[in-house]
């Protein structure tokens, strides 16, 4: 069981403020919203962040849409400094459904960074949109695809098929909801990658890192990554929502 998983890294031990919600094996529920990036009206309290502010956790997004967590503003690459999520370890504000985002290229007269807030869904979509764009660039042309008017190349498809959607299931052989989730996704034509978090330390570490980046925690499996959207537990309704969001995203 997950009690036998390897210990998390020292950085992961510093991120309890990022972790929110609970997840359960076999429960028909979801602990993080999927899909809509609509703003949440409740604003966060003011936060002042300077280069020397202690206990910072800064999340930046690379060109591939991957999230990275560092502790010092100087460790954020110049190309990623414009939009960086900010959490102060030990503070709950900014770890829920609305988050702080800083532009590290701009400072106020007192040396503090200019911050704004956005919904967690909007923040997650920043990474997801980059991943979709990268997959689009790497995807080979579809054989026999119809050509655009004027012969200028293949006509764009309206949306990706389910066969172009990839889901990663982090689970274990004994976990029945893990198998149920796999069967359900395969019945939809989704490509499924299974990773056993009890047999593979790398899979367990990868799962923990994704949970930390999403501000989620839990005590059971499965954890399911649908094209960058993280779900906890087996819920057909939540999976359908994630698949619908993936279909309506950038064409692969």
Protein backbone atom coordinates (compact mmCIF):
# COMPACT_ATOMS: atom_id res chain seq x y z
CA UNK A 1 0.00 0.00 0.00
CA UNK A 2 1.11 3.60 -0.27
CA UNK A 3 2.60 3.37 3.22
CA UNK A 4 5.40 1.36 1.56
CA UNK A 5 6.18 4.09 -0.98
CA UNK A 6 9.60 5.81 -0.90
CA UNK A 7 10.04 8.93 1.11
CA UNK A 8 9.45 12.21 -0.69
CA UNK A 9 12.33 14.59 -1.42
CA UNK A 10 13.37 17.39 0.90
CA UNK A 11 11.71 19.90 -1.38
CA UNK A 12 8.45 17.97 -1.24
CA UNK A 13 8.63 18.13 2.55
CA UNK A 14 8.56 21.91 2.27
CA UNK A 15 5.27 22.04 0.39
CA UNK A 16 2.51 21.17 2.87
CA UNK A 17 0.84 24.48 2.05
CA UNK A 18 0.45 23.35 -1.55
CA UNK A 19 -1.42 20.22 -0.62
CA UNK A 20 -5.22 20.47 -0.33
CA UNK A 21 -8.18 18.10 -0.46
CA UNK A 22 -8.40 14.36 0.05
CA UNK A 23 -8.73 11.43 -2.32
CA UNK A 24 -9.95 7.89 -1.82
CA UNK A 25 -9.66 4.59 -3.67
CA UNK A 26 -12.91 3.51 -5.24
CA UNK A 27 -14.84 6.61 -4.22
CA UNK A 28 -16.92 8.13 -6.98
CA UNK A 29 -15.64 11.62 -6.51
CA UNK A 30 -13.04 14.14 -7.60
CA UNK A 31 -11.04 16.51 -5.42
CA UNK A 32 -9.96 19.03 -8.04
CA UNK A 33 -12.13 20.78 -10.63
CA UNK A 34 -11.77 19.70 -14.23
CA UNK A 35 -12.33 21.76 -17.33
CA UNK A 36 -13.74 25.21 -16.74
CA UNK A 37 -11.24 28.01 -16.20
CA UNK A 38 -13.94 30.48 -15.13
CA UNK A 39 -12.66 32.96 -12.50
CA UNK A 40 -13.65 32.55 -8.88
CA UNK A 41 -15.05 35.74 -7.40
CA UNK A 42 -13.55 35.41 -3.91
CA UNK A 43 -10.30 37.36 -3.84
CA UNK A 44 -7.22 36.47 -1.82
CA UNK A 45 -5.80 38.71 0.92
CA UNK A 46 -2.92 41.02 -0.11
CA UNK A 47 0.50 39.36 -0.28
CA UNK A 48 3.86 41.13 -0.41
CA UNK A 49 6.70 39.13 -1.96
CA UNK A 50 10.28 40.30 -2.37
CA UNK A 51 13.43 38.48 -3.55
CA UNK A 52 14.38 37.81 0.09
CA UNK A 53 10.93 36.69 1.31
CA UNK A 54 11.47 33.44 3.29
CA UNK A 55 9.67 30.12 2.70
CA UNK A 56 8.81 30.86 -0.92
CA UNK A 57 7.65 28.14 -3.30
CA UNK A 58 7.68 29.37 -6.89
CA UNK A 59 6.18 27.34 -9.72
CA UNK A 60 7.21 28.14 -13.29
CA UNK A 61 6.15 26.55 -16.58
CA UNK A 62 8.60 25.55 -19.30
CA UNK A 63 7.97 25.63 -23.05
CA UNK A 64 6.76 22.02 -22.96
CA UNK A 65 4.06 22.82 -20.39
CA UNK A 66 5.85 21.08 -17.51
CA UNK A 67 5.67 22.63 -14.01
CA UNK A 68 8.83 23.20 -11.95
CA UNK A 69 9.08 24.28 -8.30
CA UNK A 70 11.98 26.37 -6.94
CA UNK A 71 12.50 28.40 -3.77
CA UNK A 72 14.31 31.49 -5.01
CA UNK A 73 13.25 34.01 -7.68
CA UNK A 74 16.77 33.88 -9.11
CA UNK A 75 16.24 30.18 -9.90
CA UNK A 76 13.38 30.92 -12.31
CA UNK A 77 14.66 31.03 -15.92
CA UNK A 78 14.35 34.44 -17.60
CA UNK A 79 11.95 33.12 -20.25
CA UNK A 80 9.53 31.90 -17.57
CA UNK A 81 9.62 34.85 -15.15
CA UNK A 82 6.55 36.68 -16.46
CA UNK A 83 3.99 34.22 -15.03
CA UNK A 84 5.06 32.42 -11.85
CA UNK A 85 2.79 30.96 -9.19
CA UNK A 86 3.68 32.05 -5.64
CA UNK A 87 3.04 30.16 -2.40
CA UNK A 88 4.47 30.99 1.01
CA UNK A 89 4.94 27.76 2.96
CA UNK A 90 2.79 27.76 6.09
CA UNK A 91 0.18 30.11 4.62
CA UNK A 92 -3.09 28.66 3.40
CA UNK A 93 -3.92 31.64 1.16
CA UNK A 94 -3.04 30.84 -2.44
CA UNK A 95 -3.27 27.06 -2.07
CA UNK A 96 -6.99 26.66 -2.73
CA UNK A 97 -9.10 27.36 -5.79
CA UNK A 98 -7.53 30.79 -6.32
CA UNK A 99 -3.78 31.32 -6.55
CA UNK A 100 -1.21 34.14 -6.51
CA UNK A 101 0.74 34.76 -9.72
CA UNK A 102 3.72 37.11 -9.98
CA UNK A 103 5.55 38.79 -12.82
CA UNK A 104 9.16 38.54 -11.63
CA UNK A 105 10.21 41.01 -14.32
CA UNK A 106 8.33 43.83 -12.62
CA UNK A 107 8.81 45.28 -9.14
CA UNK A 108 7.10 48.05 -7.21
CA UNK A 109 9.09 51.01 -5.79
CA UNK A 110 9.51 49.11 -2.50
CA UNK A 111 11.15 46.18 -4.32
CA UNK A 112 8.17 43.85 -4.09
CA UNK A 113 6.92 41.92 -7.09
CA UNK A 114 3.65 42.80 -8.78
CA UNK A 115 1.13 40.07 -8.00
CA UNK A 116 -2.28 39.19 -9.37
CA UNK A 117 -4.64 36.30 -8.68
CA UNK A 118 -6.28 33.77 -10.96
CA UNK A 119 -8.34 30.62 -10.60
CA UNK A 120 -6.45 27.37 -10.17
CA UNK A 121 -8.16 26.05 -13.30
CA UNK A 122 -6.83 29.00 -15.33
CA UNK A 123 -3.33 28.40 -13.96
CA UNK A 124 -3.47 24.68 -14.82
CA UNK A 125 -4.66 25.55 -18.31
CA UNK A 126 -1.48 27.55 -18.95
CA UNK A 127 0.53 24.35 -18.75
CA UNK A 128 -2.07 22.25 -20.54
CA UNK A 129 -2.23 24.62 -23.51
CA UNK A 130 1.54 24.46 -23.97
CA UNK A 131 1.51 20.68 -23.81
CA UNK A 132 -1.22 20.56 -26.44
CA UNK A 133 0.68 22.94 -28.70
CA UNK A 134 3.82 20.82 -28.38
CA UNK A 135 1.91 17.62 -29.18
CA UNK A 136 0.38 19.34 -32.19
CA UNK A 137 3.82 20.29 -33.47
CA UNK A 138 5.19 16.77 -32.97
CA UNK A 139 2.19 14.84 -34.29
CA UNK A 140 2.71 13.24 -37.72
CA UNK A 141 0.20 14.12 -40.48
CA UNK A 142 -2.83 11.86 -40.61
CA UNK A 143 -2.60 9.43 -43.55
CA UNK A 144 -5.18 10.18 -46.22
CA UNK A 145 -6.20 13.42 -44.58
CA UNK A 146 -8.28 15.69 -46.79
CA UNK A 147 -6.47 18.70 -48.10
CA UNK A 148 -7.37 22.29 -47.39
CA UNK A 149 -9.01 24.37 -50.12
CA UNK A 150 -6.45 25.43 -52.73
CA UNK A 151 -4.17 22.44 -52.03
CA UNK A 152 -2.27 24.21 -49.29
CA UNK A 153 -2.00 21.16 -47.04
CA UNK A 154 -4.23 18.94 -44.92
CA UNK A 155 -7.49 20.43 -43.75
CA UNK A 156 -7.56 20.81 -39.95
CA UNK A 157 -9.72 18.36 -38.03
CA UNK A 158 -12.51 19.70 -35.89
CA UNK A 159 -11.20 17.97 -32.77
CA UNK A 160 -8.80 15.20 -31.71
CA UNK A 161 -10.15 11.69 -31.61
CA UNK A 162 -10.13 9.75 -28.35
CA UNK A 163 -7.31 7.61 -29.75
CA UNK A 164 -5.12 10.74 -29.60
CA UNK A 165 -5.87 11.19 -25.88
CA UNK A 166 -3.44 9.61 -23.44
CA UNK A 167 -4.25 8.82 -19.80
CA UNK A 168 -1.70 7.73 -17.20
CA UNK A 169 -3.05 5.64 -14.32
CA UNK A 170 -0.91 5.54 -11.17
CA UNK A 171 -2.06 2.51 -9.22
CA UNK A 172 -1.25 -1.00 -8.05
CA UNK A 173 -2.16 -4.51 -9.05
CA UNK A 174 -4.42 -5.05 -6.01
CA UNK A 175 -6.42 -1.82 -6.59
CA UNK A 176 -9.77 -2.70 -8.19
CA UNK A 177 -10.75 0.94 -8.94
CA UNK A 178 -7.47 1.23 -10.85
CA UNK A 179 -8.53 -1.66 -13.11
CA UNK A 180 -12.03 -0.22 -13.42
CA UNK A 181 -10.61 3.12 -14.52
CA UNK A 182 -8.40 1.37 -17.08
CA UNK A 183 -11.30 -0.62 -18.53
CA UNK A 184 -13.50 2.47 -18.68
CA UNK A 185 -10.88 4.57 -20.48
CA UNK A 186 -10.04 1.79 -22.94
CA UNK A 187 -13.76 1.40 -23.69
CA UNK A 188 -13.67 5.04 -24.78
CA UNK A 189 -10.74 4.36 -27.11
CA UNK A 190 -8.26 6.23 -24.91
CA UNK A 191 -4.60 5.18 -24.88
CA UNK A 192 -3.80 4.09 -21.32
CA UNK A 193 -0.39 3.96 -19.64
CA UNK A 194 -0.31 2.06 -16.33
CA UNK A 195 2.31 2.84 -13.69
CA UNK A 196 2.52 0.70 -10.55
CA UNK A 197 3.53 2.98 -7.68
CA UNK A 198 4.38 0.04 -5.43
CA UNK A 199 6.66 -1.69 -7.91
CA UNK A 200 8.35 1.42 -9.28
CA UNK A 201 9.96 4.12 -7.14
CA UNK A 202 10.16 6.35 -10.21
CA UNK A 203 6.39 6.03 -10.76
CA UNK A 204 5.68 6.78 -7.10
CA UNK A 205 7.93 9.86 -7.18
CA UNK A 206 6.35 11.05 -10.43
CA UNK A 207 2.87 10.69 -8.95
CA UNK A 208 3.80 12.57 -5.78
CA UNK A 209 5.33 15.43 -7.78
CA UNK A 210 2.19 15.79 -9.89
CA UNK A 211 0.01 15.79 -6.78
CA UNK A 212 2.18 18.45 -5.15
CA UNK A 213 2.10 20.65 -8.25
CA UNK A 214 -1.69 20.35 -8.35
CA UNK A 215 -1.99 21.16 -4.64
CA UNK A 216 -3.53 17.76 -3.93
CA UNK A 217 -2.86 15.00 -1.43
CA UNK A 218 -4.38 11.70 -0.46
CA UNK A 219 -4.00 8.26 1.02
CA UNK A 220 -5.03 5.93 -1.76
CA UNK A 221 -5.16 5.30 -5.51
CA UNK A 222 -5.78 5.54 -8.44
CA UNK A 223 -4.40 8.88 -9.50
CA UNK A 224 -5.21 9.53 -13.16
CA UNK A 225 -3.51 12.05 -15.45
CA UNK A 226 -5.67 12.82 -18.52
CA UNK A 227 -3.57 15.01 -20.81
CA UNK A 228 -2.30 17.05 -17.87
CA UNK A 229 -5.57 17.09 -15.90
CA UNK A 230 -5.15 15.25 -12.61
CA UNK A 231 -7.99 13.20 -11.12
CA UNK A 232 -8.12 11.20 -7.92
CA UNK A 233 -10.18 8.02 -7.57
CA UNK A 234 -12.32 6.30 -10.20
CA UNK A 235 -15.26 8.46 -11.24
CA UNK A 236 -16.81 7.92 -14.69
CA UNK A 237 -18.37 11.38 -14.50
CA UNK A 238 -15.02 13.05 -13.72
CA UNK A 239 -13.28 11.05 -16.47
CA UNK A 240 -15.96 12.04 -18.98
CA UNK A 241 -15.44 15.70 -18.08
CA UNK A 242 -11.66 15.36 -18.49
CA UNK A 243 -12.06 13.61 -21.85
CA UNK A 244 -14.49 16.27 -23.02
CA UNK A 245 -12.00 18.98 -22.08
CA UNK A 246 -9.20 17.13 -23.90
CA UNK A 247 -11.34 16.77 -27.03
CA UNK A 248 -12.14 20.48 -27.10
CA UNK A 249 -8.50 21.49 -26.56
CA UNK A 250 -6.05 22.34 -29.31
CA UNK A 251 -6.27 19.87 -32.19
CA UNK A 252 -3.52 17.29 -32.04
